Amino acid sequence: MADYEPGKMDIRAQEKTFAGFVKFVTYSVVAIILFLVFLALAGG
């Protein structure tokens, strides 16, 4: 097994992927809430 040193791994790609995932989830939740509000107003 290779010599592993904790804290030495380059995690920029993982951080960028996670930031994209958080942004996607945030926009999705906002879109779903707006859609549900629209349904409540249009159906009432």
C-alpha atoms as a PDB file:
ATOM      1  CA  MET A   1       0.000   0.000   0.000  1.00  0.00           C
ATOM      2  CA  ALA A   2       1.268   3.502  -0.779  1.00  0.00           C
ATOM      3  CA  ASP A   3       2.430   5.821   1.951  1.00  0.00           C
ATOM      4  CA  TYR A   4      -0.654   7.727   3.079  1.00  0.00           C
ATOM      5  CA  GLU A   5      -0.416  10.981   4.974  1.00  0.00           C
ATOM      6  CA  PRO A   6      -3.687  12.328   6.396  1.00  0.00           C
ATOM      7  CA  GLY A   7      -4.477  15.824   5.175  1.00  0.00           C
ATOM      8  CA  LYS A   8      -2.197  15.671   2.125  1.00  0.00           C
ATOM      9  CA  MET A   9      -4.795  14.662  -0.488  1.00  0.00           C
ATOM     10  CA  ASP A  10      -5.917  17.216  -3.083  1.00  0.00           C
ATOM     11  CA  ILE A  11      -9.674  17.525  -2.582  1.00  0.00           C
ATOM     12  CA  ARG A  12     -10.435  20.477  -4.880  1.00  0.00           C
ATOM     13  CA  ALA A  13     -12.402  18.281  -7.294  1.00  0.00           C
ATOM     14  CA  GLN A  14     -14.521  16.849  -4.484  1.00  0.00           C
ATOM     15  CA  GLU A  15     -15.161  20.326  -3.055  1.00  0.00           C
ATOM     16  CA  LYS A  16     -16.233  21.629  -6.476  1.00  0.00           C
ATOM     17  CA  THR A  17     -18.552  18.647  -6.982  1.00  0.00           C
ATOM     18  CA  PHE A  18     -20.092  19.090  -3.533  1.00  0.00           C
ATOM     19  CA  ALA A  19     -20.617  22.828  -4.103  1.00  0.00           C
ATOM     20  CA  GLY A  20     -22.393  22.024  -7.379  1.00  0.00           C
ATOM     21  CA  PHE A  21     -24.549  19.442  -5.642  1.00  0.00           C
ATOM     22  CA  VAL A  22     -25.540  21.898  -2.898  1.00  0.00           C
ATOM     23  CA  LYS A  23     -26.404  24.546  -5.506  1.00  0.00           C
ATOM     24  CA  PHE A  24     -28.486  22.029  -7.479  1.00  0.00           C
ATOM     25  CA  VAL A  25     -30.385  20.901  -4.368  1.00  0.00           C
ATOM     26  CA  THR A  26     -31.001  24.516  -3.303  1.00  0.00           C
ATOM     27  CA  TYR A  27     -32.419  25.496  -6.701  1.00  0.00           C
ATOM     28  CA  SER A  28     -34.485  22.310  -6.843  1.00  0.00           C
ATOM     29  CA  VAL A  29     -36.038  22.920  -3.426  1.00  0.00           C
ATOM     30  CA  VAL A  30     -36.886  26.528  -4.346  1.00  0.00           C
ATOM     31  CA  ALA A  31     -38.449  25.384  -7.635  1.00  0.00           C
ATOM     32  CA  ILE A  32     -40.512  22.703  -5.869  1.00  0.00           C
ATOM     33  CA  ILE A  33     -41.755  25.178  -3.248  1.00  0.00           C
ATOM     34  CA  LEU A  34     -42.728  27.691  -5.949  1.00  0.00           C
ATOM     35  CA  PHE A  35     -44.511  24.953  -7.871  1.00  0.00           C
ATOM     36  CA  LEU A  36     -46.438  23.869  -4.775  1.00  0.00           C
ATOM     37  CA  VAL A  37     -47.429  27.486  -4.051  1.00  0.00           C
ATOM     38  CA  PHE A  38     -48.612  27.810  -7.649  1.00  0.00           C
ATOM     39  CA  LEU A  39     -50.685  24.636  -7.324  1.00  0.00           C
ATOM     40  CA  ALA A  40     -52.212  25.860  -4.068  1.00  0.00           C
ATOM     41  CA  LEU A  41     -53.167  29.205  -5.604  1.00  0.00           C
ATOM     42  CA  ALA A  42     -54.417  27.790  -8.929  1.00  0.00           C
ATOM     43  CA  GLY A  43     -56.375  24.981  -7.313  1.00  0.00           C
ATOM     44  CA  GLY A  44     -58.126  27.129  -4.754  1.00  0.00           C
END
